C-alpha atoms as a PDB file:
ATOM      1  CA  UNK A   1      79.610 124.959 101.998  1.00  0.00           C
ATOM      2  CA  UNK A   2      82.787 123.936 103.197  1.00  0.00           C
ATOM      3  CA  UNK A   3      82.627 123.221 107.023  1.00  0.00           C
ATOM      4  CA  UNK A   4      85.675 124.578 108.873  1.00  0.00           C
ATOM      5  CA  UNK A   5      87.315 121.076 110.282  1.00  0.00           C
ATOM      6  CA  UNK A   6      87.491 120.911 106.448  1.00  0.00           C
ATOM      7  CA  UNK A   7      89.521 123.837 105.753  1.00  0.00           C
ATOM      8  CA  UNK A   8      91.992 122.735 108.661  1.00  0.00           C
ATOM      9  CA  UNK A   9      92.432 119.443 107.227  1.00  0.00           C
ATOM     10  CA  UNK A  10      93.102 120.588 103.889  1.00  0.00           C
ATOM     11  CA  UNK A  11      95.346 122.900 105.351  1.00  0.00           C
ATOM     12  CA  UNK A  12      97.381 120.920 107.280  1.00  0.00           C
ATOM     13  CA  UNK A  13      97.353 118.491 104.384  1.00  0.00           C
ATOM     14  CA  UNK A  14      98.935 120.845 102.330  1.00  0.00           C
ATOM     15  CA  UNK A  15     101.689 122.007 104.842  1.00  0.00           C
ATOM     16  CA  UNK A  16     102.424 118.317 105.139  1.00  0.00           C
ATOM     17  CA  UNK A  17     102.879 117.775 101.506  1.00  0.00           C
ATOM     18  CA  UNK A  18     104.913 120.802 100.932  1.00  0.00           C
ATOM     19  CA  UNK A  19     107.319 119.424 103.588  1.00  0.00           C
ATOM     20  CA  UNK A  20     106.450 122.066 106.613  1.00  0.00           C
ATOM     21  CA  UNK A  21     105.460 118.914 108.402  1.00  0.00           C
ATOM     22  CA  UNK A  22     107.758 116.359 107.061  1.00  0.00           C
ATOM     23  CA  UNK A  23     107.263 112.509 107.742  1.00  0.00           C
ATOM     24  CA  UNK A  24     108.408 111.805 111.645  1.00  0.00           C
ATOM     25  CA  UNK A  25     107.484 115.586 112.267  1.00  0.00           C
ATOM     26  CA  UNK A  26     105.257 115.745 115.259  1.00  0.00           C
ATOM     27  CA  UNK A  27     102.879 118.803 114.859  1.00  0.00           C
ATOM     28  CA  UNK A  28     102.171 121.421 116.321  1.00  0.00           C
ATOM     29  CA  UNK A  29      99.601 120.618 119.869  1.00  0.00           C
ATOM     30  CA  UNK A  30      96.479 121.333 119.849  1.00  0.00           C
ATOM     31  CA  UNK A  31      95.589 123.799 122.112  1.00  0.00           C
ATOM     32  CA  UNK A  32      98.914 125.960 120.115  1.00  0.00           C
ATOM     33  CA  UNK A  33      96.370 124.124 116.666  1.00  0.00           C
ATOM     34  CA  UNK A  34      93.249 125.425 117.712  1.00  0.00           C
ATOM     35  CA  UNK A  35      94.742 128.982 118.891  1.00  0.00           C
ATOM     36  CA  UNK A  36      95.861 129.652 115.232  1.00  0.00           C
ATOM     37  CA  UNK A  37      93.383 128.076 113.819  1.00  0.00           C
ATOM     38  CA  UNK A  38      90.711 130.874 116.556  1.00  0.00           C
ATOM     39  CA  UNK A  39      88.597 126.821 116.786  1.00  0.00           C
ATOM     40  CA  UNK A  40      87.946 124.560 120.011  1.00  0.00           C
ATOM     41  CA  UNK A  41      89.973 121.622 120.260  1.00  0.00           C
ATOM     42  CA  UNK A  42      86.934 119.751 119.063  1.00  0.00           C
ATOM     43  CA  UNK A  43      86.666 121.243 115.368  1.00  0.00           C
ATOM     44  CA  UNK A  44      90.511 120.458 115.601  1.00  0.00           C
ATOM     45  CA  UNK A  45      90.387 116.811 116.639  1.00  0.00           C
ATOM     46  CA  UNK A  46      87.699 116.082 113.418  1.00  0.00           C
ATOM     47  CA  UNK A  47      90.470 117.342 111.347  1.00  0.00           C
ATOM     48  CA  UNK A  48      92.956 115.440 113.179  1.00  0.00           C
ATOM     49  CA  UNK A  49      90.435 112.179 112.230  1.00  0.00           C
ATOM     50  CA  UNK A  50      90.195 113.730 108.527  1.00  0.00           C
ATOM     51  CA  UNK A  51      93.770 113.281 108.607  1.00  0.00           C
ATOM     52  CA  UNK A  52      94.290 109.798 110.557  1.00  0.00           C
ATOM     53  CA  UNK A  53      91.440 108.313 108.362  1.00  0.00           C
ATOM     54  CA  UNK A  54      93.917 108.981 105.436  1.00  0.00           C
ATOM     55  CA  UNK A  55      97.044 107.605 106.617  1.00  0.00           C
ATOM     56  CA  UNK A  56      98.740 110.937 106.971  1.00  0.00           C
ATOM     57  CA  UNK A  57      98.661 111.466 110.379  1.00  0.00           C
ATOM     58  CA  UNK A  58      99.348 109.330 113.996  1.00  0.00           C
ATOM     59  CA  UNK A  59      98.625 109.941 117.317  1.00  0.00           C
ATOM     60  CA  UNK A  60      98.753 107.827 121.009  1.00  0.00           C
ATOM     61  CA  UNK A  61      97.717 108.773 124.090  1.00  0.00           C
ATOM     62  CA  UNK A  62      99.472 111.681 125.843  1.00  0.00           C
ATOM     63  CA  UNK A  63     101.519 112.605 122.523  1.00  0.00           C
ATOM     64  CA  UNK A  64     101.822 115.095 119.625  1.00  0.00           C
ATOM     65  CA  UNK A  65     100.478 113.649 116.377  1.00  0.00           C
ATOM     66  CA  UNK A  66     103.374 112.617 114.328  1.00  0.00           C
ATOM     67  CA  UNK A  67     103.540 112.611 110.466  1.00  0.00           C
ATOM     68  CA  UNK A  68     103.552 109.008 109.200  1.00  0.00           C
ATOM     69  CA  UNK A  69     103.297 110.611 105.151  1.00  0.00           C
ATOM     70  CA  UNK A  70     103.224 112.876 102.269  1.00  0.00           C
ATOM     71  CA  UNK A  71     100.768 111.160 100.190  1.00  0.00           C
ATOM     72  CA  UNK A  72      97.273 110.047 101.659  1.00  0.00           C
ATOM     73  CA  UNK A  73      96.614 106.196 101.228  1.00  0.00           C
ATOM     74  CA  UNK A  74      93.803 104.175 100.779  1.00  0.00           C
ATOM     75  CA  UNK A  75      92.540 102.027 102.908  1.00  0.00           C
ATOM     76  CA  UNK A  76      91.413  98.452 102.569  1.00  0.00           C
ATOM     77  CA  UNK A  77      88.510  98.663 104.853  1.00  0.00           C
ATOM     78  CA  UNK A  78      86.746 101.736 103.057  1.00  0.00           C
ATOM     79  CA  UNK A  79      85.310 101.521  99.343  1.00  0.00           C
ATOM     80  CA  UNK A  80      86.477 104.801  97.524  1.00  0.00           C
ATOM     81  CA  UNK A  81      86.555 105.916  93.702  1.00  0.00           C
ATOM     82  CA  UNK A  82      89.560 107.339  92.758  1.00  0.00           C
ATOM     83  CA  UNK A  83      88.116 110.880  92.311  1.00  0.00           C
ATOM     84  CA  UNK A  84      87.112 110.589  95.926  1.00  0.00           C
ATOM     85  CA  UNK A  85      90.305 109.201  97.569  1.00  0.00           C
ATOM     86  CA  UNK A  86      91.606 112.276  95.221  1.00  0.00           C
ATOM     87  CA  UNK A  87      89.525 114.782  96.410  1.00  0.00           C
ATOM     88  CA  UNK A  88      90.870 114.018 100.461  1.00  0.00           C
ATOM     89  CA  UNK A  89      93.462 114.240  99.391  1.00  0.00           C
ATOM     90  CA  UNK A  90      93.262 117.934  98.124  1.00  0.00           C
ATOM     91  CA  UNK A  91      93.980 117.038  94.672  1.00  0.00           C
ATOM     92  CA  UNK A  92      91.861 117.892  91.252  1.00  0.00           C
ATOM     93  CA  UNK A  93      91.257 114.494  89.824  1.00  0.00           C
ATOM     94  CA  UNK A  94      90.654 113.997  85.900  1.00  0.00           C
ATOM     95  CA  UNK A  95      90.584 111.724  83.435  1.00  0.00           C
ATOM     96  CA  UNK A  96      90.070 110.659  79.733  1.00  0.00           C
ATOM     97  CA  UNK A  97      89.303 107.924  77.740  1.00  0.00           C
ATOM     98  CA  UNK A  98      92.325 106.651  75.835  1.00  0.00           C
ATOM     99  CA  UNK A  99      89.765 103.127  73.681  1.00  0.00           C
ATOM    100  CA  UNK A 100      86.928 101.805  74.513  1.00  0.00           C
ATOM    101  CA  UNK A 101      84.732  98.991  72.451  1.00  0.00           C
ATOM    102  CA  UNK A 102      81.768  96.423  72.499  1.00  0.00           C
ATOM    103  CA  UNK A 103      83.318  92.718  72.491  1.00  0.00           C
ATOM    104  CA  UNK A 104      82.265  89.417  73.723  1.00  0.00           C
ATOM    105  CA  UNK A 105      83.788  88.082  77.057  1.00  0.00           C
ATOM    106  CA  UNK A 106      86.411  85.958  77.215  1.00  0.00           C
ATOM    107  CA  UNK A 107      86.392  83.066  79.517  1.00  0.00           C
ATOM    108  CA  UNK A 108      88.307  84.497  82.453  1.00  0.00           C
ATOM    109  CA  UNK A 109      86.201  87.883  82.242  1.00  0.00           C
ATOM    110  CA  UNK A 110      82.387  85.869  82.468  1.00  0.00           C
ATOM    111  CA  UNK A 111      83.940  83.902  85.861  1.00  0.00           C
ATOM    112  CA  UNK A 112      84.931  87.239  87.232  1.00  0.00           C
ATOM    113  CA  UNK A 113      81.698  89.404  85.770  1.00  0.00           C
ATOM    114  CA  UNK A 114      78.955  86.062  87.027  1.00  0.00           C
ATOM    115  CA  UNK A 115      77.780  86.409  82.515  1.00  0.00           C
ATOM    116  CA  UNK A 116      77.588  83.922  79.975  1.00  0.00           C
ATOM    117  CA  UNK A 117      80.580  82.924  77.722  1.00  0.00           C
ATOM    118  CA  UNK A 118      80.301  85.613  74.898  1.00  0.00           C
ATOM    119  CA  UNK A 119      78.153  87.863  76.579  1.00  0.00           C
ATOM    120  CA  UNK A 120      78.226  91.309  75.489  1.00  0.00           C
ATOM    121  CA  UNK A 121      80.761  93.835  77.670  1.00  0.00           C
ATOM    122  CA  UNK A 122      82.512  96.949  77.634  1.00  0.00           C
ATOM    123  CA  UNK A 123      86.163  97.350  77.014  1.00  0.00           C
ATOM    124  CA  UNK A 124      87.226 100.917  78.609  1.00  0.00           C
ATOM    125  CA  UNK A 125      91.029 101.683  78.690  1.00  0.00           C
ATOM    126  CA  UNK A 126      91.021 105.322  80.745  1.00  0.00           C
ATOM    127  CA  UNK A 127      94.277 107.053  81.752  1.00  0.00           C
ATOM    128  CA  UNK A 128      93.792 109.227  85.302  1.00  0.00           C
ATOM    129  CA  UNK A 129      95.622 112.111  86.414  1.00  0.00           C
ATOM    130  CA  UNK A 130      96.166 113.678  89.776  1.00  0.00           C
ATOM    131  CA  UNK A 131      96.577 117.633  89.477  1.00  0.00           C
ATOM    132  CA  UNK A 132      97.086 117.205  85.295  1.00  0.00           C
ATOM    133  CA  UNK A 133      99.861 114.587  85.878  1.00  0.00           C
ATOM    134  CA  UNK A 134      99.502 110.675  84.741  1.00  0.00           C
ATOM    135  CA  UNK A 135      98.864 108.752  87.543  1.00  0.00           C
ATOM    136  CA  UNK A 136      96.861 105.672  86.515  1.00  0.00           C
ATOM    137  CA  UNK A 137      95.917 103.313  83.572  1.00  0.00           C
ATOM    138  CA  UNK A 138      92.569 101.629  83.902  1.00  0.00           C
ATOM    139  CA  UNK A 139      91.932  98.631  81.388  1.00  0.00           C
ATOM    140  CA  UNK A 140      88.389  98.251  82.680  1.00  0.00           C
ATOM    141  CA  UNK A 141      85.900  95.365  82.013  1.00  0.00           C
ATOM    142  CA  UNK A 142      81.778  96.173  82.307  1.00  0.00           C
ATOM    143  CA  UNK A 143      78.914  93.494  82.303  1.00  0.00           C
ATOM    144  CA  UNK A 144      77.393  94.376  79.477  1.00  0.00           C
ATOM    145  CA  UNK A 145      73.884  95.164  80.878  1.00  0.00           C
ATOM    146  CA  UNK A 146      75.728  98.558  82.679  1.00  0.00           C
ATOM    147  CA  UNK A 147      77.646  99.335  78.870  1.00  0.00           C
ATOM    148  CA  UNK A 148      74.648 101.861  77.820  1.00  0.00           C
ATOM    149  CA  UNK A 149      75.258 103.913  80.616  1.00  0.00           C
ATOM    150  CA  UNK A 150      78.642 103.924  80.677  1.00  0.00           C
ATOM    151  CA  UNK A 151      79.240 104.456  76.979  1.00  0.00           C
ATOM    152  CA  UNK A 152      77.165 107.782  77.410  1.00  0.00           C
ATOM    153  CA  UNK A 153      79.380 109.327  79.949  1.00  0.00           C
ATOM    154  CA  UNK A 154      81.264 111.630  78.423  1.00  0.00           C
ATOM    155  CA  UNK A 155      85.012 110.873  77.771  1.00  0.00           C
ATOM    156  CA  UNK A 156      86.825 113.098  80.096  1.00  0.00           C
ATOM    157  CA  UNK A 157      83.910 112.020  83.020  1.00  0.00           C
ATOM    158  CA  UNK A 158      85.704 112.474  86.720  1.00  0.00           C
ATOM    159  CA  UNK A 159      84.208 109.744  88.443  1.00  0.00           C
ATOM    160  CA  UNK A 160      82.501 107.120  86.559  1.00  0.00           C
ATOM    161  CA  UNK A 161      81.177 106.235  90.198  1.00  0.00           C
ATOM    162  CA  UNK A 162      78.959 109.777  90.386  1.00  0.00           C
ATOM    163  CA  UNK A 163      78.076 109.930  87.637  1.00  0.00           C
ATOM    164  CA  UNK A 164      76.572 106.293  87.046  1.00  0.00           C
ATOM    165  CA  UNK A 165      74.664 106.959  90.144  1.00  0.00           C
ATOM    166  CA  UNK A 166      73.216 110.237  89.495  1.00  0.00           C
ATOM    167  CA  UNK A 167      72.585 108.782  86.149  1.00  0.00           C
ATOM    168  CA  UNK A 168      70.605 105.401  86.688  1.00  0.00           C
ATOM    169  CA  UNK A 169      70.908 105.109  90.473  1.00  0.00           C
ATOM    170  CA  UNK A 170      73.856 102.540  90.105  1.00  0.00           C
ATOM    171  CA  UNK A 171      75.925 102.588  93.517  1.00  0.00           C
ATOM    172  CA  UNK A 172      78.899 100.258  94.156  1.00  0.00           C
ATOM    173  CA  UNK A 173      79.512  98.791  97.301  1.00  0.00           C
ATOM    174  CA  UNK A 174      81.849  95.404  97.295  1.00  0.00           C
ATOM    175  CA  UNK A 175      84.806  94.929  95.675  1.00  0.00           C
ATOM    176  CA  UNK A 176      87.731  92.467  95.666  1.00  0.00           C
ATOM    177  CA  UNK A 177      91.341  93.603  94.891  1.00  0.00           C
ATOM    178  CA  UNK A 178      94.652  91.785  93.863  1.00  0.00           C
ATOM    179  CA  UNK A 179      97.530  93.416  94.328  1.00  0.00           C
ATOM    180  CA  UNK A 180     101.127  92.839  92.718  1.00  0.00           C
ATOM    181  CA  UNK A 181     104.094  94.689  90.593  1.00  0.00           C
ATOM    182  CA  UNK A 182     104.975  93.775  87.176  1.00  0.00           C
ATOM    183  CA  UNK A 183     107.240  95.356  84.466  1.00  0.00           C
ATOM    184  CA  UNK A 184     105.602  98.394  81.894  1.00  0.00           C
ATOM    185  CA  UNK A 185     104.864  97.754  79.297  1.00  0.00           C
ATOM    186  CA  UNK A 186     104.321  99.595  75.906  1.00  0.00           C
ATOM    187  CA  UNK A 187     101.402 101.096  76.586  1.00  0.00           C
ATOM    188  CA  UNK A 188     101.778 101.888  80.193  1.00  0.00           C
ATOM    189  CA  UNK A 189     104.827 103.389  79.314  1.00  0.00           C
ATOM    190  CA  UNK A 190     103.746 105.802  76.696  1.00  0.00           C
ATOM    191  CA  UNK A 191     100.502 106.626  78.383  1.00  0.00           C
ATOM    192  CA  UNK A 192     101.930 106.830  82.426  1.00  0.00           C
ATOM    193  CA  UNK A 193     105.210 108.395  80.973  1.00  0.00           C
ATOM    194  CA  UNK A 194     107.567 106.338  82.862  1.00  0.00           C
ATOM    195  CA  UNK A 195     110.415 103.943  80.864  1.00  0.00           C
ATOM    196  CA  UNK A 196     109.406 100.040  79.889  1.00  0.00           C
ATOM    197  CA  UNK A 197     110.116  97.886  82.026  1.00  0.00           C
ATOM    198  CA  UNK A 198     109.904 100.230  85.163  1.00  0.00           C
ATOM    199  CA  UNK A 199     107.875  98.633  88.054  1.00  0.00           C
ATOM    200  CA  UNK A 200     104.222  99.660  88.462  1.00  0.00           C
ATOM    201  CA  UNK A 201     101.446  98.953  91.266  1.00  0.00           C
ATOM    202  CA  UNK A 202      99.211  96.928  89.411  1.00  0.00           C
ATOM    203  CA  UNK A 203      95.411  96.493  91.239  1.00  0.00           C
ATOM    204  CA  UNK A 204      93.047  94.235  89.677  1.00  0.00           C
ATOM    205  CA  UNK A 205      90.035  94.353  90.965  1.00  0.00           C
ATOM    206  CA  UNK A 206      86.480  93.453  90.977  1.00  0.00           C
ATOM    207  CA  UNK A 207      83.489  95.840  92.052  1.00  0.00           C
ATOM    208  CA  UNK A 208      79.456  94.574  92.665  1.00  0.00           C
ATOM    209  CA  UNK A 209      75.929  95.687  93.906  1.00  0.00           C
ATOM    210  CA  UNK A 210      74.739  95.558  97.189  1.00  0.00           C
ATOM    211  CA  UNK A 211      73.230  92.324  95.968  1.00  0.00           C
ATOM    212  CA  UNK A 212      76.422  91.391  94.767  1.00  0.00           C
ATOM    213  CA  UNK A 213      75.939  91.658  91.167  1.00  0.00           C
ATOM    214  CA  UNK A 214      79.594  92.251  89.321  1.00  0.00           C
ATOM    215  CA  UNK A 215      79.137  95.746  87.498  1.00  0.00           C
ATOM    216  CA  UNK A 216      83.072  95.842  86.718  1.00  0.00           C
ATOM    217  CA  UNK A 217      86.286  94.100  86.012  1.00  0.00           C
ATOM    218  CA  UNK A 218      90.010  95.746  86.096  1.00  0.00           C
ATOM    219  CA  UNK A 219      93.559  96.172  85.562  1.00  0.00           C
ATOM    220  CA  UNK A 220      94.576  99.358  87.732  1.00  0.00           C
ATOM    221  CA  UNK A 221      97.963 100.486  86.851  1.00  0.00           C
ATOM    222  CA  UNK A 222      99.652 102.977  89.038  1.00  0.00           C
ATOM    223  CA  UNK A 223     102.225 104.861  88.264  1.00  0.00           C
ATOM    224  CA  UNK A 224     105.355 104.803  90.564  1.00  0.00           C
ATOM    225  CA  UNK A 225     104.944 107.005  93.755  1.00  0.00           C
ATOM    226  CA  UNK A 226     101.454 108.359  93.386  1.00  0.00           C
ATOM    227  CA  UNK A 227      99.880 106.244  95.702  1.00  0.00           C
ATOM    228  CA  UNK A 228      99.975 104.205  99.046  1.00  0.00           C
ATOM    229  CA  UNK A 229      97.544 102.025 100.073  1.00  0.00           C
ATOM    230  CA  UNK A 230      97.235 101.048 103.520  1.00  0.00           C
ATOM    231  CA  UNK A 231      96.436  98.045 105.434  1.00  0.00           C
ATOM    232  CA  UNK A 232      95.427  98.202 109.384  1.00  0.00           C
ATOM    233  CA  UNK A 233      95.490  94.764 111.190  1.00  0.00           C
ATOM    234  CA  UNK A 234      95.101  93.136 114.231  1.00  0.00           C
ATOM    235  CA  UNK A 235      95.106  89.504 115.635  1.00  0.00           C
ATOM    236  CA  UNK A 236      91.462  89.535 115.733  1.00  0.00           C
ATOM    237  CA  UNK A 237      90.790  91.088 112.470  1.00  0.00           C
ATOM    238  CA  UNK A 238      92.448  91.435 108.966  1.00  0.00           C
ATOM    239  CA  UNK A 239      91.218  92.765 104.850  1.00  0.00           C
ATOM    240  CA  UNK A 240      94.388  91.552 103.881  1.00  0.00           C
ATOM    241  CA  UNK A 241      94.957  87.697 102.760  1.00  0.00           C
ATOM    242  CA  UNK A 242      98.557  86.525 101.261  1.00  0.00           C
ATOM    243  CA  UNK A 243      97.830  84.190  98.510  1.00  0.00           C
ATOM    244  CA  UNK A 244     100.317  82.866  95.508  1.00  0.00           C
ATOM    245  CA  UNK A 245     100.207  84.416  92.640  1.00  0.00           C
END
């Protein structure tokens, strides 16, 4: 059952996405929104907390909350699947497998997945959608030890992460991400409905279990304007590191 603060967060998220509260605008005061929704300020602050964690709004003491973005963001301080991120933003995730094949690990894949050269791996190309629109093309290589569980999932599986947990208890706990920009190739352009050469955000990631055993390594390419990644840092802590290509 959906809790009241989640319903309020959904309503505010929708209003922000539709431009009722554009980027830079202040939201109504706590007292105004609490009265409008018939809830306590505590419940309202839970809804605000959800939107702040998504990077949609910001706050400072003594001032109204301000809209920072119209698109929910993904923070690098947490590991969330595509489906989890989409649902948190009030969107409907989808996907379908375009191709899947078993093969032998290349030298680079073996190093990333901590395998012996020529160990078996599963290559999967998957198109991800939001509300029916293509937004992400994944090229994922799964370690052989979990390949059978992945291969048994339906081609239109909404969340591979959740399905693997439900089926075999596999928990993806840690991830390393490398971001850069690349031009869309022929396959990218066709599947993401963009022009060849269009700039794409590429996220190369490797995910492991809590024990550090690699599950997958992937090359993910996002259609422009569909996702925002957020980095929150300070002089004490910085989850992002700059490296040479």
